[in-house]
Amino acid sequence: MTQMTCPGLPAAWINGWLAAVGTTVLDPRIRLHWTTEGAPVAVLSAADADPVEILVESWPDEALLSDLPIAENWKGAGKLRRKVTVDAFARRARRARGHPYSWTLSSTMTDLCVDENGEVAHAPFDPAGPGTIKWLHHRLMKLHGKMELSPTRIRDSLAGQAARVKDNGLGFDHTRLGSLADSTSMWTDPVVEELAFFGLAILPVRGQGADRQLDRSANVRERQRGWREARGNRSSRGFKWPAWHQPLDSAGIDALMDVWDPHGKKGAWEQVGVHAAWQSVRFDPRGSADTTRAFGAERL
């Protein structure tokens, strides 16, 4: 196995964790585990091949990204933007059934949770964007257009040494934000952001179904994998994610997310190879008019 340690993808950074997972989604030859000393970072491995070369080979081009099932216009299935009706979602879901990227729908929105306006719920990892950039696919295409793909560019991003570009990214990375004393421009690494998008493949979003979808008094809401609430405290909901020591492909990571219990005892974590974990911390808006969304982390 050829291994590459990636200090640019620390496990304590949500986008870094999602991006590391995204490498295994992009190409099934890549395995992922995390260092066990100090602050864990991603380790990518592959049999008899450089993980960077594999990523360059499997990186999606503009034509593929433009034709994802969450594109604004797709295969005659109507128009899709930020506000999506149940009928619009159903048309997309029917057309996308069996498509290799159908997860771009099921990991971003669900018709098992519908509001009083008849619009489907979006996942926490599909936040509304600023201004006119209101839907995830538009943000993804903007990012892709600002990236020059090369082995050096990918290697620099994995090493944490790549230059960032002025862009809001997918909309949930806290490191894109400046302080109150800094410029208000957002700065992101498009390589990490694009990989993080593919990491969403293992995080489907669901709801409680049609029988309660309009019962807002019951606090019905969408549920994305990995997002949990403290019992009796809805405001405490956050994403929880682990670091593990055994090399896993995307199917293995998918299985691990099923069996790992973030609230379990230390011995239970060790049984499934988990040696560290974190939970998300929401960005605190600077005022009632601040629509910024971002997630930091604290170690469990």
C-alpha atoms as a PDB file:
ATOM      1  CA  MET A   1       0.000   0.000   0.000  1.00  0.00           C
ATOM      2  CA  THR A   2       1.141   3.517  -0.807  1.00  0.00           C
ATOM      3  CA  GLN A   3       0.245   5.868   2.048  1.00  0.00           C
ATOM      4  CA  MET A   4       0.044   9.643   2.187  1.00  0.00           C
ATOM      5  CA  THR A   5      -0.390  11.589   5.426  1.00  0.00           C
ATOM      6  CA  CYS A   6      -2.487  14.720   4.881  1.00  0.00           C
ATOM      7  CA  PRO A   7      -1.949  17.485   7.463  1.00  0.00           C
ATOM      8  CA  GLY A   8      -4.284  19.654   5.367  1.00  0.00           C
ATOM      9  CA  LEU A   9      -7.173  17.356   6.307  1.00  0.00           C
ATOM     10  CA  PRO A  10      -7.314  17.327  10.118  1.00  0.00           C
ATOM     11  CA  ALA A  11     -10.113  15.232  11.573  1.00  0.00           C
ATOM     12  CA  ALA A  12     -11.154  18.088  13.886  1.00  0.00           C
ATOM     13  CA  TRP A  13     -12.114  20.212  10.853  1.00  0.00           C
ATOM     14  CA  ILE A  14     -15.559  19.265   9.491  1.00  0.00           C
ATOM     15  CA  ASN A  15     -14.598  20.133   5.925  1.00  0.00           C
ATOM     16  CA  GLY A  16     -11.327  18.255   6.308  1.00  0.00           C
ATOM     17  CA  TRP A  17     -13.146  15.170   7.569  1.00  0.00           C
ATOM     18  CA  LEU A  18     -15.765  15.355   4.800  1.00  0.00           C
ATOM     19  CA  ALA A  19     -13.072  15.907   2.182  1.00  0.00           C
ATOM     20  CA  ALA A  20     -11.095  12.884   3.378  1.00  0.00           C
ATOM     21  CA  VAL A  21     -14.254  10.763   3.184  1.00  0.00           C
ATOM     22  CA  GLY A  22     -14.918  12.272  -0.235  1.00  0.00           C
ATOM     23  CA  THR A  23     -11.675  10.846  -1.607  1.00  0.00           C
ATOM     24  CA  THR A  24     -12.993   7.326  -0.967  1.00  0.00           C
ATOM     25  CA  VAL A  25     -16.279   8.204  -2.687  1.00  0.00           C
ATOM     26  CA  LEU A  26     -14.490   9.556  -5.757  1.00  0.00           C
ATOM     27  CA  ASP A  27     -12.441   6.397  -6.222  1.00  0.00           C
ATOM     28  CA  PRO A  28     -13.002   2.990  -4.564  1.00  0.00           C
ATOM     29  CA  ARG A  29      -9.267   2.254  -4.678  1.00  0.00           C
ATOM     30  CA  ILE A  30      -8.584   4.803  -1.927  1.00  0.00           C
ATOM     31  CA  ARG A  31      -8.676   3.843   1.749  1.00  0.00           C
ATOM     32  CA  LEU A  32      -8.834   6.278   4.660  1.00  0.00           C
ATOM     33  CA  HIS A  33      -7.708   6.172   8.264  1.00  0.00           C
ATOM     34  CA  TRP A  34      -6.440   8.746  10.767  1.00  0.00           C
ATOM     35  CA  THR A  35      -3.226   9.209  12.697  1.00  0.00           C
ATOM     36  CA  THR A  36      -3.427   8.285  16.372  1.00  0.00           C
ATOM     37  CA  GLU A  37      -0.758  10.595  17.801  1.00  0.00           C
ATOM     38  CA  GLY A  38      -1.527  14.211  18.682  1.00  0.00           C
ATOM     39  CA  ALA A  39      -4.233  15.860  16.599  1.00  0.00           C
ATOM     40  CA  PRO A  40      -5.436  13.197  14.110  1.00  0.00           C
ATOM     41  CA  VAL A  41      -5.067  13.922  10.398  1.00  0.00           C
ATOM     42  CA  ALA A  42      -6.143  11.894   7.385  1.00  0.00           C
ATOM     43  CA  VAL A  43      -4.003   9.126   5.919  1.00  0.00           C
ATOM     44  CA  LEU A  44      -4.913   8.100   2.366  1.00  0.00           C
ATOM     45  CA  SER A  45      -3.690   4.790   0.991  1.00  0.00           C
ATOM     46  CA  ALA A  46      -4.007   2.752  -2.187  1.00  0.00           C
ATOM     47  CA  ALA A  47      -2.558  -0.482  -3.528  1.00  0.00           C
ATOM     48  CA  ASP A  48       0.487   0.171  -5.718  1.00  0.00           C
ATOM     49  CA  ALA A  49      -0.583   3.699  -6.656  1.00  0.00           C
ATOM     50  CA  ASP A  50      -0.106   7.272  -5.495  1.00  0.00           C
ATOM     51  CA  PRO A  51      -3.399   8.503  -3.963  1.00  0.00           C
ATOM     52  CA  VAL A  52      -2.839  11.910  -5.566  1.00  0.00           C
ATOM     53  CA  GLU A  53      -2.494  10.400  -9.030  1.00  0.00           C
ATOM     54  CA  ILE A  54      -5.669   8.401  -8.414  1.00  0.00           C
ATOM     55  CA  LEU A  55      -7.523  11.567  -7.429  1.00  0.00           C
ATOM     56  CA  VAL A  56      -6.346  13.407 -10.540  1.00  0.00           C
ATOM     57  CA  GLU A  57      -7.492  10.473 -12.654  1.00  0.00           C
ATOM     58  CA  SER A  58     -10.945  10.261 -11.035  1.00  0.00           C
ATOM     59  CA  TRP A  59     -11.598  13.991 -10.501  1.00  0.00           C
ATOM     60  CA  PRO A  60     -14.982  15.027 -11.960  1.00  0.00           C
ATOM     61  CA  ASP A  61     -14.938  17.372 -14.947  1.00  0.00           C
ATOM     62  CA  GLU A  62     -17.337  20.231 -15.599  1.00  0.00           C
ATOM     63  CA  ALA A  63     -19.564  18.087 -17.824  1.00  0.00           C
ATOM     64  CA  LEU A  64     -20.103  15.518 -15.058  1.00  0.00           C
ATOM     65  CA  LEU A  65     -20.801  18.124 -12.364  1.00  0.00           C
ATOM     66  CA  SER A  66     -23.175  20.031 -14.644  1.00  0.00           C
ATOM     67  CA  ASP A  67     -25.201  16.859 -15.129  1.00  0.00           C
ATOM     68  CA  LEU A  68     -25.723  15.944 -11.477  1.00  0.00           C
ATOM     69  CA  PRO A  69     -29.337  15.210 -10.416  1.00  0.00           C
ATOM     70  CA  ILE A  70     -29.391  18.400  -8.292  1.00  0.00           C
ATOM     71  CA  ALA A  71     -28.618  20.662 -11.266  1.00  0.00           C
ATOM     72  CA  GLU A  72     -31.092  23.483 -11.817  1.00  0.00           C
ATOM     73  CA  ASN A  73     -32.283  21.904 -15.074  1.00  0.00           C
ATOM     74  CA  TRP A  74     -31.811  18.172 -15.495  1.00  0.00           C
ATOM     75  CA  LYS A  75     -33.117  15.718 -18.101  1.00  0.00           C
ATOM     76  CA  GLY A  76     -36.475  17.398 -18.494  1.00  0.00           C
ATOM     77  CA  ALA A  77     -37.388  16.879 -14.826  1.00  0.00           C
ATOM     78  CA  GLY A  78     -38.291  20.520 -14.215  1.00  0.00           C
ATOM     79  CA  LYS A  79     -36.361  23.344 -12.553  1.00  0.00           C
ATOM     80  CA  LEU A  80     -34.754  22.961  -9.142  1.00  0.00           C
ATOM     81  CA  ARG A  81     -33.582  25.853  -7.001  1.00  0.00           C
ATOM     82  CA  ARG A  82     -33.456  26.544  -3.267  1.00  0.00           C
ATOM     83  CA  LYS A  83     -37.190  26.252  -2.626  1.00  0.00           C
ATOM     84  CA  VAL A  84     -38.279  22.808  -3.774  1.00  0.00           C
ATOM     85  CA  THR A  85     -41.864  21.589  -3.772  1.00  0.00           C
ATOM     86  CA  VAL A  86     -42.766  17.976  -3.062  1.00  0.00           C
ATOM     87  CA  ASP A  87     -43.840  17.484  -6.685  1.00  0.00           C
ATOM     88  CA  ALA A  88     -40.553  18.897  -8.004  1.00  0.00           C
ATOM     89  CA  PHE A  89     -38.571  16.668  -5.665  1.00  0.00           C
ATOM     90  CA  ALA A  90     -40.629  13.608  -6.640  1.00  0.00           C
ATOM     91  CA  ARG A  91     -39.996  14.234 -10.354  1.00  0.00           C
ATOM     92  CA  ARG A  92     -36.259  14.418  -9.728  1.00  0.00           C
ATOM     93  CA  ALA A  93     -36.249  11.370  -7.483  1.00  0.00           C
ATOM     94  CA  ARG A  94     -38.096   9.265 -10.066  1.00  0.00           C
ATOM     95  CA  ARG A  95     -35.748  10.338 -12.841  1.00  0.00           C
ATOM     96  CA  ALA A  96     -32.628   9.889 -10.677  1.00  0.00           C
ATOM     97  CA  ARG A  97     -33.516   6.396  -9.452  1.00  0.00           C
ATOM     98  CA  GLY A  98     -30.569   4.134 -10.263  1.00  0.00           C
ATOM     99  CA  HIS A  99     -28.316   7.066 -11.210  1.00  0.00           C
ATOM    100  CA  PRO A 100     -24.782   6.757  -9.720  1.00  0.00           C
ATOM    101  CA  TYR A 101     -25.109  10.251  -8.243  1.00  0.00           C
ATOM    102  CA  SER A 102     -28.678   9.956  -6.948  1.00  0.00           C
ATOM    103  CA  TRP A 103     -27.190  10.565  -3.490  1.00  0.00           C
ATOM    104  CA  THR A 104     -26.817  14.252  -4.419  1.00  0.00           C
ATOM    105  CA  LEU A 105     -30.596  14.434  -3.904  1.00  0.00           C
ATOM    106  CA  SER A 106     -30.922  12.145  -0.894  1.00  0.00           C
ATOM    107  CA  SER A 107     -28.024  13.786   0.983  1.00  0.00           C
ATOM    108  CA  THR A 108     -29.300  17.332   0.527  1.00  0.00           C
ATOM    109  CA  MET A 109     -33.103  17.277   0.881  1.00  0.00           C
ATOM    110  CA  THR A 110     -36.052  15.058   1.767  1.00  0.00           C
ATOM    111  CA  ASP A 111     -39.798  14.962   1.099  1.00  0.00           C
ATOM    112  CA  LEU A 112     -40.277  13.091   4.389  1.00  0.00           C
ATOM    113  CA  CYS A 113     -40.233  16.498   6.083  1.00  0.00           C
ATOM    114  CA  VAL A 114     -42.354  19.196   4.454  1.00  0.00           C
ATOM    115  CA  ASP A 115     -43.188  22.673   5.720  1.00  0.00           C
ATOM    116  CA  GLU A 116     -46.490  24.514   5.672  1.00  0.00           C
ATOM    117  CA  ASN A 117     -45.699  25.892   2.206  1.00  0.00           C
ATOM    118  CA  GLY A 118     -45.352  22.414   0.752  1.00  0.00           C
ATOM    119  CA  GLU A 119     -41.570  22.689   0.374  1.00  0.00           C
ATOM    120  CA  VAL A 120     -39.187  19.874   1.220  1.00  0.00           C
ATOM    121  CA  ALA A 121     -36.607  20.229   3.984  1.00  0.00           C
ATOM    122  CA  HIS A 122     -32.913  20.762   3.309  1.00  0.00           C
ATOM    123  CA  ALA A 123     -30.130  18.992   5.168  1.00  0.00           C
ATOM    124  CA  PRO A 124     -27.958  20.871   7.696  1.00  0.00           C
ATOM    125  CA  PHE A 125     -25.115  20.355   5.204  1.00  0.00           C
ATOM    126  CA  ASP A 126     -27.181  22.113   2.537  1.00  0.00           C
ATOM    127  CA  PRO A 127     -27.454  25.581   4.110  1.00  0.00           C
ATOM    128  CA  ALA A 128     -28.910  28.576   2.312  1.00  0.00           C
ATOM    129  CA  GLY A 129     -26.272  30.737   0.653  1.00  0.00           C
ATOM    130  CA  PRO A 130     -25.895  34.530   0.661  1.00  0.00           C
ATOM    131  CA  GLY A 131     -27.436  36.787  -1.962  1.00  0.00           C
ATOM    132  CA  THR A 132     -28.475  34.907  -5.078  1.00  0.00           C
ATOM    133  CA  ILE A 133     -26.339  31.829  -4.334  1.00  0.00           C
ATOM    134  CA  LYS A 134     -29.139  29.896  -2.694  1.00  0.00           C
ATOM    135  CA  TRP A 135     -28.604  26.296  -3.758  1.00  0.00           C
ATOM    136  CA  LEU A 136     -25.747  23.849  -3.375  1.00  0.00           C
ATOM    137  CA  HIS A 137     -25.201  22.895  -7.011  1.00  0.00           C
ATOM    138  CA  HIS A 138     -24.676  26.517  -8.025  1.00  0.00           C
ATOM    139  CA  ARG A 139     -22.046  26.917  -5.304  1.00  0.00           C
ATOM    140  CA  LEU A 140     -20.322  23.701  -6.392  1.00  0.00           C
ATOM    141  CA  MET A 141     -20.063  24.851  -9.998  1.00  0.00           C
ATOM    142  CA  LYS A 142     -18.622  28.212  -8.909  1.00  0.00           C
ATOM    143  CA  LEU A 143     -15.959  26.425  -6.914  1.00  0.00           C
ATOM    144  CA  HIS A 144     -15.090  24.087  -9.753  1.00  0.00           C
ATOM    145  CA  GLY A 145     -14.604  27.025 -12.085  1.00  0.00           C
ATOM    146  CA  LYS A 146     -11.993  28.521  -9.754  1.00  0.00           C
ATOM    147  CA  MET A 147      -9.834  25.405  -9.507  1.00  0.00           C
ATOM    148  CA  GLU A 148      -6.925  24.480 -11.753  1.00  0.00           C
ATOM    149  CA  LEU A 149      -6.609  20.707 -11.470  1.00  0.00           C
ATOM    150  CA  SER A 150      -3.083  19.294 -11.246  1.00  0.00           C
ATOM    151  CA  PRO A 151      -1.199  16.812  -9.065  1.00  0.00           C
ATOM    152  CA  THR A 152       0.669  19.718  -7.466  1.00  0.00           C
ATOM    153  CA  ARG A 153      -2.545  21.591  -6.607  1.00  0.00           C
ATOM    154  CA  ILE A 154      -4.132  18.540  -5.004  1.00  0.00           C
ATOM    155  CA  ARG A 155      -0.942  17.630  -3.152  1.00  0.00           C
ATOM    156  CA  ASP A 156      -0.660  21.180  -1.779  1.00  0.00           C
ATOM    157  CA  SER A 157      -4.274  21.078  -0.560  1.00  0.00           C
ATOM    158  CA  LEU A 158      -3.776  17.733   1.170  1.00  0.00           C
ATOM    159  CA  ALA A 159      -0.642  19.153   2.784  1.00  0.00           C
ATOM    160  CA  GLY A 160      -2.474  22.295   3.925  1.00  0.00           C
ATOM    161  CA  GLN A 161      -0.237  24.539   1.827  1.00  0.00           C
ATOM    162  CA  ALA A 162      -2.517  25.564  -1.045  1.00  0.00           C
ATOM    163  CA  ALA A 163      -3.565  29.148  -1.691  1.00  0.00           C
ATOM    164  CA  ARG A 164      -7.230  29.850  -1.080  1.00  0.00           C
ATOM    165  CA  VAL A 165      -9.580  31.613  -3.484  1.00  0.00           C
ATOM    166  CA  LYS A 166     -12.182  34.268  -2.738  1.00  0.00           C
ATOM    167  CA  ASP A 167     -15.410  32.270  -2.537  1.00  0.00           C
ATOM    168  CA  ASN A 168     -18.081  31.269  -0.016  1.00  0.00           C
ATOM    169  CA  GLY A 169     -17.587  27.577  -0.767  1.00  0.00           C
ATOM    170  CA  LEU A 170     -20.303  25.109   0.130  1.00  0.00           C
ATOM    171  CA  GLY A 171     -21.317  27.344   3.007  1.00  0.00           C
ATOM    172  CA  PHE A 172     -20.475  25.534   6.240  1.00  0.00           C
ATOM    173  CA  ASP A 173     -16.712  25.850   6.728  1.00  0.00           C
ATOM    174  CA  HIS A 174     -15.898  28.136   9.656  1.00  0.00           C
ATOM    175  CA  THR A 175     -12.313  28.712   8.475  1.00  0.00           C
ATOM    176  CA  ARG A 176     -13.594  30.723   5.507  1.00  0.00           C
ATOM    177  CA  LEU A 177     -14.675  33.502   7.877  1.00  0.00           C
ATOM    178  CA  GLY A 178     -12.557  36.434   8.939  1.00  0.00           C
ATOM    179  CA  SER A 179     -12.700  38.227  12.262  1.00  0.00           C
ATOM    180  CA  LEU A 180     -14.676  41.435  12.779  1.00  0.00           C
ATOM    181  CA  ALA A 181     -11.442  43.358  12.208  1.00  0.00           C
ATOM    182  CA  ASP A 182     -10.720  41.606   8.889  1.00  0.00           C
ATOM    183  CA  SER A 183     -12.087  41.952   5.402  1.00  0.00           C
ATOM    184  CA  THR A 184     -15.546  40.448   5.008  1.00  0.00           C
ATOM    185  CA  SER A 185     -14.438  38.361   2.007  1.00  0.00           C
ATOM    186  CA  MET A 186     -14.743  34.592   2.298  1.00  0.00           C
ATOM    187  CA  TRP A 187     -11.711  32.455   1.414  1.00  0.00           C
ATOM    188  CA  THR A 188     -11.863  28.730   0.681  1.00  0.00           C
ATOM    189  CA  ASP A 189      -9.777  25.921  -0.785  1.00  0.00           C
ATOM    190  CA  PRO A 190     -11.773  24.655  -3.807  1.00  0.00           C
ATOM    191  CA  VAL A 191     -10.057  21.239  -3.742  1.00  0.00           C
ATOM    192  CA  VAL A 192     -11.122  20.611  -0.150  1.00  0.00           C
ATOM    193  CA  GLU A 193     -14.605  22.010  -0.780  1.00  0.00           C
ATOM    194  CA  GLU A 194     -15.198  19.827  -3.831  1.00  0.00           C
ATOM    195  CA  LEU A 195     -13.980  16.725  -2.012  1.00  0.00           C
ATOM    196  CA  ALA A 196     -16.219  17.638   0.946  1.00  0.00           C
ATOM    197  CA  PHE A 197     -19.193  17.718  -1.407  1.00  0.00           C
ATOM    198  CA  PHE A 198     -18.532  14.090  -2.353  1.00  0.00           C
ATOM    199  CA  GLY A 199     -18.162  13.222   1.322  1.00  0.00           C
ATOM    200  CA  LEU A 200     -21.875  14.007   1.702  1.00  0.00           C
ATOM    201  CA  ALA A 201     -22.618  10.763  -0.169  1.00  0.00           C
ATOM    202  CA  ILE A 202     -22.609   8.777   3.093  1.00  0.00           C
ATOM    203  CA  LEU A 203     -24.832  11.282   4.944  1.00  0.00           C
ATOM    204  CA  PRO A 204     -28.430  10.873   3.695  1.00  0.00           C
ATOM    205  CA  VAL A 205     -31.198  13.052   5.099  1.00  0.00           C
ATOM    206  CA  ARG A 206     -34.622  11.770   6.151  1.00  0.00           C
ATOM    207  CA  GLY A 207     -37.746  12.833   8.044  1.00  0.00           C
ATOM    208  CA  GLN A 208     -40.614  11.322   9.987  1.00  0.00           C
ATOM    209  CA  GLY A 209     -42.906  10.724   7.030  1.00  0.00           C
ATOM    210  CA  ALA A 210     -46.159  12.014   5.576  1.00  0.00           C
ATOM    211  CA  ASP A 211     -48.323  11.311   8.614  1.00  0.00           C
ATOM    212  CA  ARG A 212     -46.555  14.024  10.676  1.00  0.00           C
ATOM    213  CA  GLN A 213     -44.863  16.158   8.047  1.00  0.00           C
ATOM    214  CA  LEU A 214     -47.210  19.135   8.554  1.00  0.00           C
ATOM    215  CA  ASP A 215     -47.398  18.888  12.339  1.00  0.00           C
ATOM    216  CA  ARG A 216     -45.093  21.802  13.178  1.00  0.00           C
ATOM    217  CA  SER A 217     -46.246  21.786  16.804  1.00  0.00           C
ATOM    218  CA  ALA A 218     -44.516  18.416  17.203  1.00  0.00           C
ATOM    219  CA  ASN A 219     -41.191  20.005  16.204  1.00  0.00           C
ATOM    220  CA  VAL A 220     -40.896  17.758  13.173  1.00  0.00           C
ATOM    221  CA  ARG A 221     -37.639  18.342  11.348  1.00  0.00           C
ATOM    222  CA  GLU A 222     -35.249  16.732   8.938  1.00  0.00           C
ATOM    223  CA  ARG A 223     -32.667  14.261  10.217  1.00  0.00           C
ATOM    224  CA  GLN A 224     -29.327  13.930   8.473  1.00  0.00           C
ATOM    225  CA  ARG A 225     -27.057  11.048   9.327  1.00  0.00           C
ATOM    226  CA  GLY A 226     -24.587  11.922  12.048  1.00  0.00           C
ATOM    227  CA  TRP A 227     -26.692  14.823  13.360  1.00  0.00           C
ATOM    228  CA  ARG A 228     -27.989  14.128  16.850  1.00  0.00           C
ATOM    229  CA  GLU A 229     -29.909  15.955  19.534  1.00  0.00           C
ATOM    230  CA  ALA A 230     -29.423  15.742  23.254  1.00  0.00           C
ATOM    231  CA  ARG A 231     -32.516  14.194  24.782  1.00  0.00           C
ATOM    232  CA  GLY A 232     -35.156  16.872  25.368  1.00  0.00           C
ATOM    233  CA  ASN A 233     -32.941  19.657  23.996  1.00  0.00           C
ATOM    234  CA  ARG A 234     -33.524  20.425  20.305  1.00  0.00           C
ATOM    235  CA  SER A 235     -31.199  23.416  20.334  1.00  0.00           C
ATOM    236  CA  SER A 236     -28.249  21.137  21.102  1.00  0.00           C
ATOM    237  CA  ARG A 237     -28.408  19.273  17.796  1.00  0.00           C
ATOM    238  CA  GLY A 238     -25.018  18.837  16.199  1.00  0.00           C
ATOM    239  CA  PHE A 239     -22.990  16.656  13.880  1.00  0.00           C
ATOM    240  CA  LYS A 240     -20.772  14.027  15.519  1.00  0.00           C
ATOM    241  CA  TRP A 241     -17.978  12.286  13.647  1.00  0.00           C
ATOM    242  CA  PRO A 242     -15.171   9.828  14.482  1.00  0.00           C
ATOM    243  CA  ALA A 243     -11.545   9.144  13.594  1.00  0.00           C
ATOM    244  CA  TRP A 244     -10.536   5.488  13.156  1.00  0.00           C
ATOM    245  CA  HIS A 245      -7.231   3.660  12.812  1.00  0.00           C
ATOM    246  CA  GLN A 246      -8.071   0.941  10.245  1.00  0.00           C
ATOM    247  CA  PRO A 247      -7.949   1.767   6.485  1.00  0.00           C
ATOM    248  CA  LEU A 248     -11.538   1.850   5.168  1.00  0.00           C
ATOM    249  CA  ASP A 249     -13.147   2.431   1.797  1.00  0.00           C
ATOM    250  CA  SER A 250     -16.424   4.347   1.490  1.00  0.00           C
ATOM    251  CA  ALA A 251     -18.524   1.233   2.184  1.00  0.00           C
ATOM    252  CA  GLY A 252     -16.499   0.558   5.326  1.00  0.00           C
ATOM    253  CA  ILE A 253     -16.925   4.147   6.511  1.00  0.00           C
ATOM    254  CA  ASP A 254     -20.636   3.880   5.802  1.00  0.00           C
ATOM    255  CA  ALA A 255     -20.826   0.762   7.984  1.00  0.00           C
ATOM    256  CA  LEU A 256     -18.749   2.363  10.736  1.00  0.00           C
ATOM    257  CA  MET A 257     -21.132   5.318  10.931  1.00  0.00           C
ATOM    258  CA  ASP A 258     -23.917   2.805  11.593  1.00  0.00           C
ATOM    259  CA  VAL A 259     -22.238   0.933  14.454  1.00  0.00           C
ATOM    260  CA  TRP A 260     -20.297   3.728  16.161  1.00  0.00           C
ATOM    261  CA  ASP A 261     -22.123   5.322  19.098  1.00  0.00           C
ATOM    262  CA  PRO A 262     -20.723   8.758  19.997  1.00  0.00           C
ATOM    263  CA  HIS A 263     -22.255   8.418  23.456  1.00  0.00           C
ATOM    264  CA  GLY A 264     -20.916   4.912  24.034  1.00  0.00           C
ATOM    265  CA  LYS A 265     -18.178   3.942  26.452  1.00  0.00           C
ATOM    266  CA  LYS A 266     -14.515   4.108  25.501  1.00  0.00           C
ATOM    267  CA  GLY A 267     -14.285   0.347  25.188  1.00  0.00           C
ATOM    268  CA  ALA A 268     -17.123   0.326  22.654  1.00  0.00           C
ATOM    269  CA  TRP A 269     -15.273   2.904  20.550  1.00  0.00           C
ATOM    270  CA  GLU A 270     -12.123   0.790  20.595  1.00  0.00           C
ATOM    271  CA  GLN A 271     -14.037  -2.273  19.424  1.00  0.00           C
ATOM    272  CA  VAL A 272     -14.858  -0.536  16.142  1.00  0.00           C
ATOM    273  CA  GLY A 273     -11.443   1.119  15.770  1.00  0.00           C
ATOM    274  CA  VAL A 274     -12.440   4.654  16.805  1.00  0.00           C
ATOM    275  CA  HIS A 275      -9.837   6.554  18.835  1.00  0.00           C
ATOM    276  CA  ALA A 276     -11.196  10.134  18.749  1.00  0.00           C
ATOM    277  CA  ALA A 277     -14.380  12.031  17.913  1.00  0.00           C
ATOM    278  CA  TRP A 278     -15.828  15.540  17.699  1.00  0.00           C
ATOM    279  CA  GLN A 279     -19.116  17.372  17.664  1.00  0.00           C
ATOM    280  CA  SER A 280     -20.017  20.471  15.685  1.00  0.00           C
ATOM    281  CA  VAL A 281     -20.384  23.940  17.173  1.00  0.00           C
ATOM    282  CA  ARG A 282     -22.555  26.419  15.294  1.00  0.00           C
ATOM    283  CA  PHE A 283     -21.317  29.846  14.304  1.00  0.00           C
ATOM    284  CA  ASP A 284     -22.896  32.523  16.490  1.00  0.00           C
ATOM    285  CA  PRO A 285     -24.460  35.190  14.202  1.00  0.00           C
ATOM    286  CA  ARG A 286     -23.238  38.738  14.728  1.00  0.00           C
ATOM    287  CA  GLY A 287     -26.784  40.120  14.699  1.00  0.00           C
ATOM    288  CA  SER A 288     -30.354  39.413  13.616  1.00  0.00           C
ATOM    289  CA  ALA A 289     -29.520  40.285  10.002  1.00  0.00           C
ATOM    290  CA  ASP A 290     -26.473  37.984   9.853  1.00  0.00           C
ATOM    291  CA  THR A 291     -27.335  34.920   7.731  1.00  0.00           C
ATOM    292  CA  THR A 292     -23.843  33.410   7.917  1.00  0.00           C
ATOM    293  CA  ARG A 293     -23.763  29.653   8.512  1.00  0.00           C
ATOM    294  CA  ALA A 294     -20.677  27.786   9.667  1.00  0.00           C
ATOM    295  CA  PHE A 295     -19.664  24.908  11.936  1.00  0.00           C
ATOM    296  CA  GLY A 296     -16.658  24.650  14.204  1.00  0.00           C
ATOM    297  CA  ALA A 297     -15.816  21.642  16.387  1.00  0.00           C
ATOM    298  CA  GLU A 298     -15.118  20.507  19.908  1.00  0.00           C
ATOM    299  CA  ARG A 299     -13.616  17.186  20.885  1.00  0.00           C
ATOM    300  CA  LEU A 300     -15.830  14.610  22.575  1.00  0.00           C
END
